[in-house]
Amino acid sequence: MRTIFLRALCALAACLALVAHAAIITGGTRFVFYSSADGLSVNVRNTSADRYLVQSKITGEDRPAPFVVTPPLFMLKGGRENTLRILYTGEPLPADRESLFWLTVAGIPSTPSTGNNNNVEVALRQRMKLFWRPAALKGKAGEAYRHLTWTRTGEQVVVTNPTPWFVTLIRLTSNGQAIPDAGMVAPFSSRTERWCPVQGPCVMKWQTLNDYGSLLPAVSAVPREGAR
């Protein structure tokens, strides 16, 4: 019993430490870099009274990220803001679809040492989607989720995205049952998942986010039967 109590106490302390250090926030949860733009600005704010060392970087899914972010490392005083500037370095990217990259911003608390070895400073990282959007794409990004098509074979369901936009599946349900962490469907691609029951009806319902992180209205579909 004592061991269980100590574990619970440690877990609670860890949670409190994370909450205490969640002081660095950015001006969004997803960002779009238009190919016609000179750059992209991202605001970073320190909501605490303490100083934080802020580190930022951009990484790619399956390729090196053709971007630089400045400043990559800086000190941010309590209650202050700074602006990250993201610049495209010119390496070719597909012109017929969006490309996905990740912006990571880490806040490292900068506090004087108290000499207490029991103090652990935690660096919290925010990992946000950065979409590269070519200017030549036709249509509206906010309509792409309505164009998903669904087929099924038993419990296996295939969701296909025929558009040039990434579609994030939010509040996805199958017959009313929530499917957590459903992820995304990439442009001009398909995903196969075990989201339907083995037998019986299967109704998929989903939402997505617009460029500003707001939920769009739900849509639903009954996957058509595929070849067995």
C-alpha atoms as a PDB file:
ATOM      1  CA  MET A   1       0.000   0.000   0.000  1.00  0.00           C
ATOM      2  CA  ARG A   2       2.846   2.376   0.867  1.00  0.00           C
ATOM      3  CA  THR A   3       4.468   1.703  -2.529  1.00  0.00           C
ATOM      4  CA  ILE A   4       1.212   2.469  -4.370  1.00  0.00           C
ATOM      5  CA  PHE A   5       0.805   5.704  -2.391  1.00  0.00           C
ATOM      6  CA  LEU A   6       4.350   6.822  -3.182  1.00  0.00           C
ATOM      7  CA  ARG A   7       3.868   6.105  -6.879  1.00  0.00           C
ATOM      8  CA  ALA A   8       0.650   8.098  -6.924  1.00  0.00           C
ATOM      9  CA  LEU A   9       2.337  10.972  -5.092  1.00  0.00           C
ATOM     10  CA  CYS A  10       5.202  11.001  -7.588  1.00  0.00           C
ATOM     11  CA  ALA A  11       2.770  10.976 -10.502  1.00  0.00           C
ATOM     12  CA  LEU A  12       0.868  13.898  -9.001  1.00  0.00           C
ATOM     13  CA  ALA A  13       4.097  15.834  -8.477  1.00  0.00           C
ATOM     14  CA  ALA A  14       5.094  15.218 -12.072  1.00  0.00           C
ATOM     15  CA  CYS A  15       1.724  16.502 -13.294  1.00  0.00           C
ATOM     16  CA  LEU A  16       2.029  19.620 -11.159  1.00  0.00           C
ATOM     17  CA  ALA A  17       5.527  20.248 -12.511  1.00  0.00           C
ATOM     18  CA  LEU A  18       4.245  19.995 -16.070  1.00  0.00           C
ATOM     19  CA  VAL A  19       1.408  22.411 -15.369  1.00  0.00           C
ATOM     20  CA  ALA A  20       3.759  24.840 -13.665  1.00  0.00           C
ATOM     21  CA  HIS A  21       6.119  24.872 -16.625  1.00  0.00           C
ATOM     22  CA  ALA A  22       3.455  25.112 -19.346  1.00  0.00           C
ATOM     23  CA  ALA A  23       4.200  28.811 -19.673  1.00  0.00           C
ATOM     24  CA  ILE A  24       5.321  29.167 -23.285  1.00  0.00           C
ATOM     25  CA  ILE A  25       2.439  29.412 -25.743  1.00  0.00           C
ATOM     26  CA  THR A  26       2.333  30.112 -29.467  1.00  0.00           C
ATOM     27  CA  GLY A  27      -0.184  32.052 -31.505  1.00  0.00           C
ATOM     28  CA  GLY A  28      -1.810  28.955 -32.990  1.00  0.00           C
ATOM     29  CA  THR A  29      -1.836  25.172 -33.101  1.00  0.00           C
ATOM     30  CA  ARG A  30      -1.336  24.816 -36.873  1.00  0.00           C
ATOM     31  CA  PHE A  31       0.224  27.090 -39.443  1.00  0.00           C
ATOM     32  CA  VAL A  32       0.013  27.492 -43.204  1.00  0.00           C
ATOM     33  CA  PHE A  33       2.967  28.748 -45.233  1.00  0.00           C
ATOM     34  CA  TYR A  34       1.703  29.972 -48.597  1.00  0.00           C
ATOM     35  CA  SER A  35       4.219  29.512 -51.400  1.00  0.00           C
ATOM     36  CA  SER A  36       3.573  33.088 -52.548  1.00  0.00           C
ATOM     37  CA  ALA A  37       4.537  34.526 -49.135  1.00  0.00           C
ATOM     38  CA  ASP A  38       7.923  35.934 -48.185  1.00  0.00           C
ATOM     39  CA  GLY A  39       7.789  34.204 -44.827  1.00  0.00           C
ATOM     40  CA  LEU A  40       5.603  33.239 -41.890  1.00  0.00           C
ATOM     41  CA  SER A  41       5.531  34.871 -38.459  1.00  0.00           C
ATOM     42  CA  VAL A  42       4.645  32.959 -35.294  1.00  0.00           C
ATOM     43  CA  ASN A  43       4.127  34.759 -31.994  1.00  0.00           C
ATOM     44  CA  VAL A  44       5.548  33.191 -28.829  1.00  0.00           C
ATOM     45  CA  ARG A  45       4.512  34.386 -25.386  1.00  0.00           C
ATOM     46  CA  ASN A  46       5.748  33.656 -21.881  1.00  0.00           C
ATOM     47  CA  THR A  47       2.681  33.654 -19.626  1.00  0.00           C
ATOM     48  CA  SER A  48       4.669  33.114 -16.435  1.00  0.00           C
ATOM     49  CA  ALA A  49       6.757  35.470 -14.316  1.00  0.00           C
ATOM     50  CA  ASP A  50       9.919  33.420 -14.872  1.00  0.00           C
ATOM     51  CA  ARG A  51      12.464  33.573 -17.648  1.00  0.00           C
ATOM     52  CA  TYR A  52      12.462  30.776 -20.207  1.00  0.00           C
ATOM     53  CA  LEU A  53      14.955  29.690 -22.797  1.00  0.00           C
ATOM     54  CA  VAL A  54      12.940  29.098 -25.968  1.00  0.00           C
ATOM     55  CA  GLN A  55      14.200  26.736 -28.672  1.00  0.00           C
ATOM     56  CA  SER A  56      12.500  26.222 -32.036  1.00  0.00           C
ATOM     57  CA  LYS A  57      13.066  23.985 -35.037  1.00  0.00           C
ATOM     58  CA  ILE A  58      11.264  22.607 -38.090  1.00  0.00           C
ATOM     59  CA  THR A  59      11.388  18.971 -39.138  1.00  0.00           C
ATOM     60  CA  GLY A  60       9.916  17.002 -42.031  1.00  0.00           C
ATOM     61  CA  GLU A  61       7.886  13.821 -42.216  1.00  0.00           C
ATOM     62  CA  ASP A  62       9.875  12.057 -44.936  1.00  0.00           C
ATOM     63  CA  ARG A  63      12.274  14.750 -46.137  1.00  0.00           C
ATOM     64  CA  PRO A  64      14.540  17.419 -44.658  1.00  0.00           C
ATOM     65  CA  ALA A  65      12.599  20.596 -43.951  1.00  0.00           C
ATOM     66  CA  PRO A  66      13.455  23.361 -46.474  1.00  0.00           C
ATOM     67  CA  PHE A  67      12.877  26.050 -43.872  1.00  0.00           C
ATOM     68  CA  VAL A  68      14.852  28.029 -41.343  1.00  0.00           C
ATOM     69  CA  VAL A  69      13.368  29.565 -38.231  1.00  0.00           C
ATOM     70  CA  THR A  70      14.863  32.613 -36.554  1.00  0.00           C
ATOM     71  CA  PRO A  71      15.763  33.097 -33.830  1.00  0.00           C
ATOM     72  CA  PRO A  72      16.260  29.371 -33.166  1.00  0.00           C
ATOM     73  CA  LEU A  73      17.214  30.033 -29.535  1.00  0.00           C
ATOM     74  CA  PHE A  74      16.437  33.027 -27.310  1.00  0.00           C
ATOM     75  CA  MET A  75      15.662  34.042 -23.754  1.00  0.00           C
ATOM     76  CA  LEU A  76      12.120  35.209 -23.049  1.00  0.00           C
ATOM     77  CA  LYS A  77      11.365  37.118 -19.866  1.00  0.00           C
ATOM     78  CA  GLY A  78       8.154  36.658 -17.919  1.00  0.00           C
ATOM     79  CA  GLY A  79       5.116  38.300 -19.475  1.00  0.00           C
ATOM     80  CA  ARG A  80       6.977  39.098 -22.706  1.00  0.00           C
ATOM     81  CA  GLU A  81       6.445  38.107 -26.322  1.00  0.00           C
ATOM     82  CA  ASN A  82       8.734  37.456 -29.260  1.00  0.00           C
ATOM     83  CA  THR A  83       8.167  36.556 -32.894  1.00  0.00           C
ATOM     84  CA  LEU A  84       9.582  33.584 -34.744  1.00  0.00           C
ATOM     85  CA  ARG A  85      10.155  34.134 -38.445  1.00  0.00           C
ATOM     86  CA  ILE A  86       9.994  31.104 -40.735  1.00  0.00           C
ATOM     87  CA  LEU A  87      11.679  31.376 -44.128  1.00  0.00           C
ATOM     88  CA  TYR A  88      11.617  29.013 -47.099  1.00  0.00           C
ATOM     89  CA  THR A  89      15.096  28.069 -48.324  1.00  0.00           C
ATOM     90  CA  GLY A  90      14.033  27.261 -51.888  1.00  0.00           C
ATOM     91  CA  GLU A  91      14.402  23.486 -52.166  1.00  0.00           C
ATOM     92  CA  PRO A  92      11.693  22.161 -54.530  1.00  0.00           C
ATOM     93  CA  LEU A  93       8.438  20.911 -53.041  1.00  0.00           C
ATOM     94  CA  PRO A  94       5.459  19.329 -54.841  1.00  0.00           C
ATOM     95  CA  ALA A  95       3.402  21.980 -56.610  1.00  0.00           C
ATOM     96  CA  ASP A  96       0.220  19.893 -56.923  1.00  0.00           C
ATOM     97  CA  ARG A  97      -0.457  19.265 -53.212  1.00  0.00           C
ATOM     98  CA  GLU A  98       0.257  20.406 -49.690  1.00  0.00           C
ATOM     99  CA  SER A  99       3.373  19.234 -47.860  1.00  0.00           C
ATOM    100  CA  LEU A 100       3.487  18.660 -44.112  1.00  0.00           C
ATOM    101  CA  PHE A 101       6.226  19.710 -41.714  1.00  0.00           C
ATOM    102  CA  TRP A 102       6.405  20.128 -37.956  1.00  0.00           C
ATOM    103  CA  LEU A 103       7.252  23.217 -35.929  1.00  0.00           C
ATOM    104  CA  THR A 104       8.557  22.366 -32.460  1.00  0.00           C
ATOM    105  CA  VAL A 105       8.843  25.042 -29.778  1.00  0.00           C
ATOM    106  CA  ALA A 106      10.425  24.094 -26.449  1.00  0.00           C
ATOM    107  CA  GLY A 107      10.400  26.156 -23.277  1.00  0.00           C
ATOM    108  CA  ILE A 108      13.215  25.490 -20.823  1.00  0.00           C
ATOM    109  CA  PRO A 109      12.795  27.218 -17.444  1.00  0.00           C
ATOM    110  CA  SER A 110      15.729  29.395 -16.441  1.00  0.00           C
ATOM    111  CA  THR A 111      15.675  29.519 -12.645  1.00  0.00           C
ATOM    112  CA  PRO A 112      18.514  29.931 -10.148  1.00  0.00           C
ATOM    113  CA  SER A 113      19.772  26.717  -8.629  1.00  0.00           C
ATOM    114  CA  THR A 114      18.574  26.225  -5.061  1.00  0.00           C
ATOM    115  CA  GLY A 115      21.020  23.471  -4.298  1.00  0.00           C
ATOM    116  CA  ASN A 116      18.148  21.046  -3.839  1.00  0.00           C
ATOM    117  CA  ASN A 117      18.872  17.942  -5.899  1.00  0.00           C
ATOM    118  CA  ASN A 118      15.207  16.956  -5.711  1.00  0.00           C
ATOM    119  CA  ASN A 119      14.213  19.794  -8.060  1.00  0.00           C
ATOM    120  CA  VAL A 120      13.776  18.676 -11.662  1.00  0.00           C
ATOM    121  CA  GLU A 121      13.341  21.261 -14.418  1.00  0.00           C
ATOM    122  CA  VAL A 122      11.124  20.049 -17.243  1.00  0.00           C
ATOM    123  CA  ALA A 123      11.326  21.310 -20.811  1.00  0.00           C
ATOM    124  CA  LEU A 124       7.900  21.232 -22.421  1.00  0.00           C
ATOM    125  CA  ARG A 125       7.695  20.929 -26.185  1.00  0.00           C
ATOM    126  CA  GLN A 126       4.837  21.936 -28.428  1.00  0.00           C
ATOM    127  CA  ARG A 127       4.773  20.145 -31.788  1.00  0.00           C
ATOM    128  CA  MET A 128       2.572  21.900 -34.323  1.00  0.00           C
ATOM    129  CA  LYS A 129       1.666  21.206 -37.928  1.00  0.00           C
ATOM    130  CA  LEU A 130       3.194  23.427 -40.587  1.00  0.00           C
ATOM    131  CA  PHE A 131       1.576  23.076 -44.004  1.00  0.00           C
ATOM    132  CA  TRP A 132       3.297  24.234 -47.166  1.00  0.00           C
ATOM    133  CA  ARG A 133       0.532  25.328 -49.540  1.00  0.00           C
ATOM    134  CA  PRO A 134       1.316  25.882 -53.235  1.00  0.00           C
ATOM    135  CA  ALA A 135      -0.425  28.824 -54.839  1.00  0.00           C
ATOM    136  CA  ALA A 136      -1.722  26.806 -57.809  1.00  0.00           C
ATOM    137  CA  LEU A 137      -4.044  24.539 -55.815  1.00  0.00           C
ATOM    138  CA  LYS A 138      -7.661  24.766 -56.916  1.00  0.00           C
ATOM    139  CA  GLY A 139     -10.652  24.700 -54.607  1.00  0.00           C
ATOM    140  CA  LYS A 140     -10.945  25.395 -50.894  1.00  0.00           C
ATOM    141  CA  ALA A 141      -8.974  23.666 -48.176  1.00  0.00           C
ATOM    142  CA  GLY A 142     -11.951  23.841 -45.820  1.00  0.00           C
ATOM    143  CA  GLU A 143     -14.064  21.742 -48.190  1.00  0.00           C
ATOM    144  CA  ALA A 144     -11.582  18.875 -48.623  1.00  0.00           C
ATOM    145  CA  TYR A 145     -12.940  16.799 -45.715  1.00  0.00           C
ATOM    146  CA  ARG A 146     -16.334  16.644 -47.431  1.00  0.00           C
ATOM    147  CA  HIS A 147     -14.761  14.854 -50.403  1.00  0.00           C
ATOM    148  CA  LEU A 148     -13.360  11.863 -48.506  1.00  0.00           C
ATOM    149  CA  THR A 149     -14.616   8.528 -49.828  1.00  0.00           C
ATOM    150  CA  TRP A 150     -15.052   5.376 -47.763  1.00  0.00           C
ATOM    151  CA  THR A 151     -15.144   1.671 -48.677  1.00  0.00           C
ATOM    152  CA  ARG A 152     -15.132  -1.378 -46.450  1.00  0.00           C
ATOM    153  CA  THR A 153     -14.470  -5.091 -46.423  1.00  0.00           C
ATOM    154  CA  GLY A 154     -15.759  -6.443 -43.134  1.00  0.00           C
ATOM    155  CA  GLU A 155     -14.139  -4.468 -40.345  1.00  0.00           C
ATOM    156  CA  GLN A 156     -11.513  -2.951 -42.631  1.00  0.00           C
ATOM    157  CA  VAL A 157     -12.406   0.476 -43.917  1.00  0.00           C
ATOM    158  CA  VAL A 158     -10.457   2.423 -46.532  1.00  0.00           C
ATOM    159  CA  VAL A 159     -10.668   6.205 -46.431  1.00  0.00           C
ATOM    160  CA  THR A 160      -9.444   7.984 -49.561  1.00  0.00           C
ATOM    161  CA  ASN A 161      -8.584  11.638 -49.952  1.00  0.00           C
ATOM    162  CA  PRO A 162      -8.850  12.684 -53.632  1.00  0.00           C
ATOM    163  CA  THR A 163      -7.922  16.315 -52.888  1.00  0.00           C
ATOM    164  CA  PRO A 164      -4.560  18.155 -52.733  1.00  0.00           C
ATOM    165  CA  TRP A 165      -5.103  19.070 -49.068  1.00  0.00           C
ATOM    166  CA  PHE A 166      -4.289  17.252 -45.851  1.00  0.00           C
ATOM    167  CA  VAL A 167      -7.450  16.288 -43.971  1.00  0.00           C
ATOM    168  CA  THR A 168      -7.302  15.932 -40.191  1.00  0.00           C
ATOM    169  CA  LEU A 169      -9.970  13.608 -38.820  1.00  0.00           C
ATOM    170  CA  ILE A 170     -11.506  15.177 -35.720  1.00  0.00           C
ATOM    171  CA  ARG A 171     -14.216  13.600 -33.542  1.00  0.00           C
ATOM    172  CA  LEU A 172     -14.310  10.569 -35.791  1.00  0.00           C
ATOM    173  CA  THR A 173     -16.936   7.989 -34.833  1.00  0.00           C
ATOM    174  CA  SER A 174     -17.986   4.608 -36.182  1.00  0.00           C
ATOM    175  CA  ASN A 175     -21.621   3.817 -35.388  1.00  0.00           C
ATOM    176  CA  GLY A 176     -21.434   6.481 -32.717  1.00  0.00           C
ATOM    177  CA  GLN A 177     -18.329   5.023 -31.049  1.00  0.00           C
ATOM    178  CA  ALA A 178     -15.462   7.482 -30.757  1.00  0.00           C
ATOM    179  CA  ILE A 179     -12.193   6.662 -32.507  1.00  0.00           C
ATOM    180  CA  PRO A 180      -9.447   8.567 -30.669  1.00  0.00           C
ATOM    181  CA  ASP A 181      -6.338   9.913 -32.353  1.00  0.00           C
ATOM    182  CA  ALA A 182      -7.655   9.215 -35.851  1.00  0.00           C
ATOM    183  CA  GLY A 183      -4.883  11.264 -37.448  1.00  0.00           C
ATOM    184  CA  MET A 184      -4.820  12.602 -40.992  1.00  0.00           C
ATOM    185  CA  VAL A 185      -5.371  11.499 -44.552  1.00  0.00           C
ATOM    186  CA  ALA A 186      -2.651  12.814 -46.864  1.00  0.00           C
ATOM    187  CA  PRO A 187      -3.403  14.351 -50.268  1.00  0.00           C
ATOM    188  CA  PHE A 188      -4.186  11.888 -53.085  1.00  0.00           C
ATOM    189  CA  SER A 189      -3.772   8.926 -50.748  1.00  0.00           C
ATOM    190  CA  SER A 190      -5.700   6.300 -48.771  1.00  0.00           C
ATOM    191  CA  ARG A 191      -5.604   4.741 -45.324  1.00  0.00           C
ATOM    192  CA  THR A 192      -6.836   1.317 -44.259  1.00  0.00           C
ATOM    193  CA  GLU A 193      -8.021   0.865 -40.680  1.00  0.00           C
ATOM    194  CA  ARG A 194     -10.150  -1.567 -38.658  1.00  0.00           C
ATOM    195  CA  TRP A 195     -12.821   0.975 -37.860  1.00  0.00           C
ATOM    196  CA  CYS A 196     -15.992  -0.919 -38.839  1.00  0.00           C
ATOM    197  CA  PRO A 197     -17.645  -3.893 -37.131  1.00  0.00           C
ATOM    198  CA  VAL A 198     -17.001  -7.260 -38.745  1.00  0.00           C
ATOM    199  CA  GLN A 199     -20.659  -7.491 -39.688  1.00  0.00           C
ATOM    200  CA  GLY A 200     -23.588  -5.135 -39.790  1.00  0.00           C
ATOM    201  CA  PRO A 201     -23.895  -1.450 -40.695  1.00  0.00           C
ATOM    202  CA  CYS A 202     -21.056   1.009 -40.418  1.00  0.00           C
ATOM    203  CA  VAL A 203     -21.661   4.739 -40.334  1.00  0.00           C
ATOM    204  CA  MET A 204     -18.620   7.013 -40.238  1.00  0.00           C
ATOM    205  CA  LYS A 205     -18.971  10.566 -38.949  1.00  0.00           C
ATOM    206  CA  TRP A 206     -16.190  13.110 -38.762  1.00  0.00           C
ATOM    207  CA  GLN A 207     -15.182  16.735 -38.529  1.00  0.00           C
ATOM    208  CA  THR A 208     -12.006  18.627 -39.282  1.00  0.00           C
ATOM    209  CA  LEU A 209     -10.269  21.903 -38.466  1.00  0.00           C
ATOM    210  CA  ASN A 210      -9.951  24.969 -40.630  1.00  0.00           C
ATOM    211  CA  ASP A 211      -6.710  26.919 -41.024  1.00  0.00           C
ATOM    212  CA  TYR A 212      -7.382  28.740 -37.750  1.00  0.00           C
ATOM    213  CA  GLY A 213      -7.965  25.612 -35.668  1.00  0.00           C
ATOM    214  CA  SER A 214     -11.758  25.916 -35.500  1.00  0.00           C
ATOM    215  CA  LEU A 215     -14.033  22.896 -35.899  1.00  0.00           C
ATOM    216  CA  LEU A 216     -16.033  22.603 -39.104  1.00  0.00           C
ATOM    217  CA  PRO A 217     -19.528  21.019 -39.254  1.00  0.00           C
ATOM    218  CA  ALA A 218     -19.761  17.242 -39.058  1.00  0.00           C
ATOM    219  CA  VAL A 219     -20.399  15.093 -42.104  1.00  0.00           C
ATOM    220  CA  SER A 220     -21.129  11.370 -42.324  1.00  0.00           C
ATOM    221  CA  ALA A 221     -20.936   8.532 -44.810  1.00  0.00           C
ATOM    222  CA  VAL A 222     -21.763   4.853 -45.070  1.00  0.00           C
ATOM    223  CA  PRO A 223     -18.748   3.042 -46.567  1.00  0.00           C
ATOM    224  CA  ARG A 224     -19.674   1.132 -49.674  1.00  0.00           C
ATOM    225  CA  GLU A 225     -18.786  -2.537 -49.784  1.00  0.00           C
ATOM    226  CA  GLY A 226     -15.483  -3.331 -51.466  1.00  0.00           C
ATOM    227  CA  ALA A 227     -14.447  -6.489 -53.267  1.00  0.00           C
ATOM    228  CA  ARG A 228     -13.846  -9.486 -51.013  1.00  0.00           C
END
